[in-house]
Every structure is written in C-alpha cells, then in structure tokens.
Amino acid sequence: MKYVTLNNGVKMPILGFGVYQIPEEQTKQAVLDALEVGYRLIDTA
C-alpha cells in the first residue's frame, strides 16, 4: 500500500474507504468489511 508522510511525520495511506451516502444501518458492516480486506483509512466525515 502507498503512503504519504504528513507534516507531523505520521504516515497516512493514500487509498481510503469513504462511507458517504451509505445508509446508516449498513455503515458499520461496510467499515468492518473494508478493514477485513485491508483498508486502514476510513473517511467518516
């Protein structure tokens, strides 16, 4: 996986998983599935 180093030295994955417009009742399972397949950046904003 590719990372970018932030100004504070923290490495952040370039590829993330966003939950925008996923119905509330499906969001938890979607995030769990994303983590299971390797995502480490979850955008919940």
PDB file of N, CA and C in Angstrom:
ATOM      1  N   MET A   1       0.845  -1.169   0.000  1.00  0.00           N
ATOM      2  CA  MET A   1       0.000   0.000   0.000  1.00  0.00           C
ATOM      3  C   MET A   1       0.897   1.241   0.000  1.00  0.00           C
ATOM      4  N   LYS A   2       0.482   2.269  -0.722  1.00  0.00           N
ATOM      5  CA  LYS A   2       1.246   3.504  -0.778  1.00  0.00           C
ATOM      6  C   LYS A   2       0.810   4.439   0.346  1.00  0.00           C
ATOM      7  N   TYR A   3       1.782   5.177   0.887  1.00  0.00           N
ATOM      8  CA  TYR A   3       1.532   6.110   1.977  1.00  0.00           C
ATOM      9  C   TYR A   3       2.071   7.482   1.620  1.00  0.00           C
ATOM     10  N   VAL A   4       1.551   8.491   2.286  1.00  0.00           N
ATOM     11  CA  VAL A   4       2.084   9.842   2.215  1.00  0.00           C
ATOM     12  C   VAL A   4       2.475  10.205   3.651  1.00  0.00           C
ATOM     13  N   THR A   5       3.585  10.905   3.811  1.00  0.00           N
ATOM     14  CA  THR A   5       4.014  11.322   5.136  1.00  0.00           C
ATOM     15  C   THR A   5       3.515  12.742   5.385  1.00  0.00           C
ATOM     16  N   LEU A   6       2.760  12.917   6.463  1.00  0.00           N
ATOM     17  CA  LEU A   6       2.209  14.214   6.816  1.00  0.00           C
ATOM     18  C   LEU A   6       3.289  15.092   7.462  1.00  0.00           C
ATOM     19  N   ASN A   7       3.001  16.372   7.615  1.00  0.00           N
ATOM     20  CA  ASN A   7       3.964  17.307   8.200  1.00  0.00           C
ATOM     21  C   ASN A   7       4.404  16.913   9.610  1.00  0.00           C
ATOM     22  N   ASN A   8       3.552  16.197  10.335  1.00  0.00           N
ATOM     23  CA  ASN A   8       3.905  15.782  11.694  1.00  0.00           C
ATOM     24  C   ASN A   8       4.627  14.434  11.729  1.00  0.00           C
ATOM     25  N   GLY A   9       4.966  13.894  10.562  1.00  0.00           N
ATOM     26  CA  GLY A   9       5.712  12.649  10.480  1.00  0.00           C
ATOM     27  C   GLY A   9       4.867  11.386  10.421  1.00  0.00           C
ATOM     28  N   VAL A  10       3.577  11.516  10.577  1.00  0.00           N
ATOM     29  CA  VAL A  10       2.676  10.364  10.543  1.00  0.00           C
ATOM     30  C   VAL A  10       2.487   9.915   9.099  1.00  0.00           C
ATOM     31  N   LYS A  11       2.549   8.590   8.873  1.00  0.00           N
ATOM     32  CA  LYS A  11       2.283   8.047   7.547  1.00  0.00           C
ATOM     33  C   LYS A  11       0.789   7.742   7.426  1.00  0.00           C
ATOM     34  N   MET A  12       0.190   8.210   6.319  1.00  0.00           N
ATOM     35  CA  MET A  12      -1.229   8.002   6.083  1.00  0.00           C
ATOM     36  C   MET A  12      -1.405   7.287   4.748  1.00  0.00           C
ATOM     37  N   PRO A  13      -2.228   6.237   4.708  1.00  0.00           N
ATOM     38  CA  PRO A  13      -2.473   5.563   3.436  1.00  0.00           C
ATOM     39  C   PRO A  13      -3.062   6.525   2.412  1.00  0.00           C
ATOM     40  N   ILE A  14      -2.642   6.394   1.163  1.00  0.00           N
ATOM     41  CA  ILE A  14      -3.174   7.239   0.096  1.00  0.00           C
ATOM     42  C   ILE A  14      -4.591   6.806  -0.269  1.00  0.00           C
ATOM     43  N   LEU A  15      -4.848   5.515  -0.265  1.00  0.00           N
ATOM     44  CA  LEU A  15      -6.159   4.986  -0.628  1.00  0.00           C
ATOM     45  C   LEU A  15      -7.001   4.796   0.626  1.00  0.00           C
ATOM     46  N   GLY A  16      -8.208   5.332   0.611  1.00  0.00           N
ATOM     47  CA  GLY A  16      -9.098   5.205   1.760  1.00  0.00           C
ATOM     48  C   GLY A  16     -10.473   4.734   1.348  1.00  0.00           C
ATOM     49  N   PHE A  17     -11.269   4.432   2.340  1.00  0.00           N
ATOM     50  CA  PHE A  17     -12.643   3.976   2.133  1.00  0.00           C
ATOM     51  C   PHE A  17     -13.578   5.033   2.704  1.00  0.00           C
ATOM     52  N   GLY A  18     -14.480   5.545   1.877  1.00  0.00           N
ATOM     53  CA  GLY A  18     -15.434   6.556   2.318  1.00  0.00           C
ATOM     54  C   GLY A  18     -16.819   5.969   2.511  1.00  0.00           C
ATOM     55  N   VAL A  19     -17.525   6.488   3.490  1.00  0.00           N
ATOM     56  CA  VAL A  19     -18.854   5.963   3.786  1.00  0.00           C
ATOM     57  C   VAL A  19     -19.967   6.943   3.429  1.00  0.00           C
ATOM     58  N   TYR A  20     -19.619   7.985   2.655  1.00  0.00           N
ATOM     59  CA  TYR A  20     -20.606   8.979   2.243  1.00  0.00           C
ATOM     60  C   TYR A  20     -21.752   8.311   1.483  1.00  0.00           C
ATOM     61  N   GLN A  21     -22.950   8.580   1.893  1.00  0.00           N
ATOM     62  CA  GLN A  21     -24.192   8.095   1.293  1.00  0.00           C
ATOM     63  C   GLN A  21     -24.444   6.599   1.494  1.00  0.00           C
ATOM     64  N   ILE A  22     -23.676   5.931   2.335  1.00  0.00           N
ATOM     65  CA  ILE A  22     -24.033   4.558   2.700  1.00  0.00           C
ATOM     66  C   ILE A  22     -25.114   4.677   3.771  1.00  0.00           C
ATOM     67  N   PRO A  23     -26.227   3.990   3.611  1.00  0.00           N
ATOM     68  CA  PRO A  23     -27.296   4.079   4.616  1.00  0.00           C
ATOM     69  C   PRO A  23     -26.764   3.744   6.019  1.00  0.00           C
ATOM     70  N   GLU A  24     -27.242   4.495   7.005  1.00  0.00           N
ATOM     71  CA  GLU A  24     -26.752   4.366   8.381  1.00  0.00           C
ATOM     72  C   GLU A  24     -26.751   2.922   8.876  1.00  0.00           C
ATOM     73  N   GLU A  25     -27.785   2.185   8.552  1.00  0.00           N
ATOM     74  CA  GLU A  25     -27.889   0.801   9.055  1.00  0.00           C
ATOM     75  C   GLU A  25     -26.882  -0.145   8.381  1.00  0.00           C
ATOM     76  N   GLN A  26     -26.237   0.287   7.306  1.00  0.00           N
ATOM     77  CA  GLN A  26     -25.249  -0.548   6.612  1.00  0.00           C
ATOM     78  C   GLN A  26     -23.809  -0.094   6.839  1.00  0.00           C
ATOM     79  N   THR A  27     -23.642   1.074   7.463  1.00  0.00           N
ATOM     80  CA  THR A  27     -22.308   1.659   7.599  1.00  0.00           C
ATOM     81  C   THR A  27     -21.372   0.798   8.436  1.00  0.00           C
ATOM     82  N   LYS A  28     -21.833   0.310   9.579  1.00  0.00           N
ATOM     83  CA  LYS A  28     -20.966  -0.485  10.447  1.00  0.00           C
ATOM     84  C   LYS A  28     -20.415  -1.696   9.705  1.00  0.00           C
ATOM     85  N   GLN A  29     -21.271  -2.431   9.017  1.00  0.00           N
ATOM     86  CA  GLN A  29     -20.820  -3.623   8.304  1.00  0.00           C
ATOM     87  C   GLN A  29     -19.886  -3.256   7.161  1.00  0.00           C
ATOM     88  N   ALA A  30     -20.165  -2.161   6.477  1.00  0.00           N
ATOM     89  CA  ALA A  30     -19.296  -1.723   5.380  1.00  0.00           C
ATOM     90  C   ALA A  30     -17.892  -1.410   5.885  1.00  0.00           C
ATOM     91  N   VAL A  31     -17.792  -0.730   7.026  1.00  0.00           N
ATOM     92  CA  VAL A  31     -16.486  -0.403   7.607  1.00  0.00           C
ATOM     93  C   VAL A  31     -15.777  -1.672   8.061  1.00  0.00           C
ATOM     94  N   LEU A  32     -16.483  -2.570   8.700  1.00  0.00           N
ATOM     95  CA  LEU A  32     -15.872  -3.844   9.127  1.00  0.00           C
ATOM     96  C   LEU A  32     -15.353  -4.628   7.924  1.00  0.00           C
ATOM     97  N   ASP A  33     -16.124  -4.656   6.851  1.00  0.00           N
ATOM     98  CA  ASP A  33     -15.691  -5.351   5.633  1.00  0.00           C
ATOM     99  C   ASP A  33     -14.456  -4.691   5.030  1.00  0.00           C
ATOM    100  N   ALA A  34     -14.436  -3.347   5.012  1.00  0.00           N
ATOM    101  CA  ALA A  34     -13.288  -2.620   4.472  1.00  0.00           C
ATOM    102  C   ALA A  34     -12.026  -2.926   5.285  1.00  0.00           C
ATOM    103  N   LEU A  35     -12.142  -2.938   6.600  1.00  0.00           N
ATOM    104  CA  LEU A  35     -10.989  -3.266   7.454  1.00  0.00           C
ATOM    105  C   LEU A  35     -10.508  -4.694   7.201  1.00  0.00           C
ATOM    106  N   GLU A  36     -11.448  -5.596   7.015  1.00  0.00           N
ATOM    107  CA  GLU A  36     -11.103  -7.006   6.789  1.00  0.00           C
ATOM    108  C   GLU A  36     -10.293  -7.206   5.510  1.00  0.00           C
ATOM    109  N   VAL A  37     -10.594  -6.417   4.483  1.00  0.00           N
ATOM    110  CA  VAL A  37      -9.875  -6.576   3.220  1.00  0.00           C
ATOM    111  C   VAL A  37      -8.623  -5.716   3.122  1.00  0.00           C
ATOM    112  N   GLY A  38      -8.337  -4.923   4.185  1.00  0.00           N
ATOM    113  CA  GLY A  38      -7.062  -4.222   4.217  1.00  0.00           C
ATOM    114  C   GLY A  38      -7.088  -2.709   4.281  1.00  0.00           C
ATOM    115  N   TYR A  39      -8.241  -2.088   4.161  1.00  0.00           N
ATOM    116  CA  TYR A  39      -8.283  -0.623   4.275  1.00  0.00           C
ATOM    117  C   TYR A  39      -7.888  -0.208   5.688  1.00  0.00           C
ATOM    118  N   ARG A  40      -7.121   0.885   5.793  1.00  0.00           N
ATOM    119  CA  ARG A  40      -6.738   1.410   7.093  1.00  0.00           C
ATOM    120  C   ARG A  40      -7.092   2.873   7.257  1.00  0.00           C
ATOM    121  N   LEU A  41      -7.558   3.500   6.164  1.00  0.00           N
ATOM    122  CA  LEU A  41      -8.020   4.886   6.205  1.00  0.00           C
ATOM    123  C   LEU A  41      -9.519   4.871   5.939  1.00  0.00           C
ATOM    124  N   ILE A  42     -10.298   5.221   6.949  1.00  0.00           N
ATOM    125  CA  ILE A  42     -11.749   5.240   6.829  1.00  0.00           C
ATOM    126  C   ILE A  42     -12.212   6.694   6.956  1.00  0.00           C
ATOM    127  N   ASP A  43     -12.836   7.219   5.899  1.00  0.00           N
ATOM    128  CA  ASP A  43     -13.319   8.601   5.892  1.00  0.00           C
ATOM    129  C   ASP A  43     -14.776   8.612   6.298  1.00  0.00           C
ATOM    130  N   THR A  44     -15.040   9.077   7.503  1.00  0.00           N
ATOM    131  CA  THR A  44     -16.418   9.099   8.010  1.00  0.00           C
ATOM    132  C   THR A  44     -16.986  10.509   8.090  1.00  0.00           C
ATOM    133  N   ALA A  45     -16.282  11.483   7.521  1.00  0.00           N
ATOM    134  CA  ALA A  45     -16.742  12.885   7.601  1.00  0.00           C
ATOM    135  C   ALA A  45     -18.017  13.088   6.818  1.00  0.00           C
TER     136      ALA A  45
END
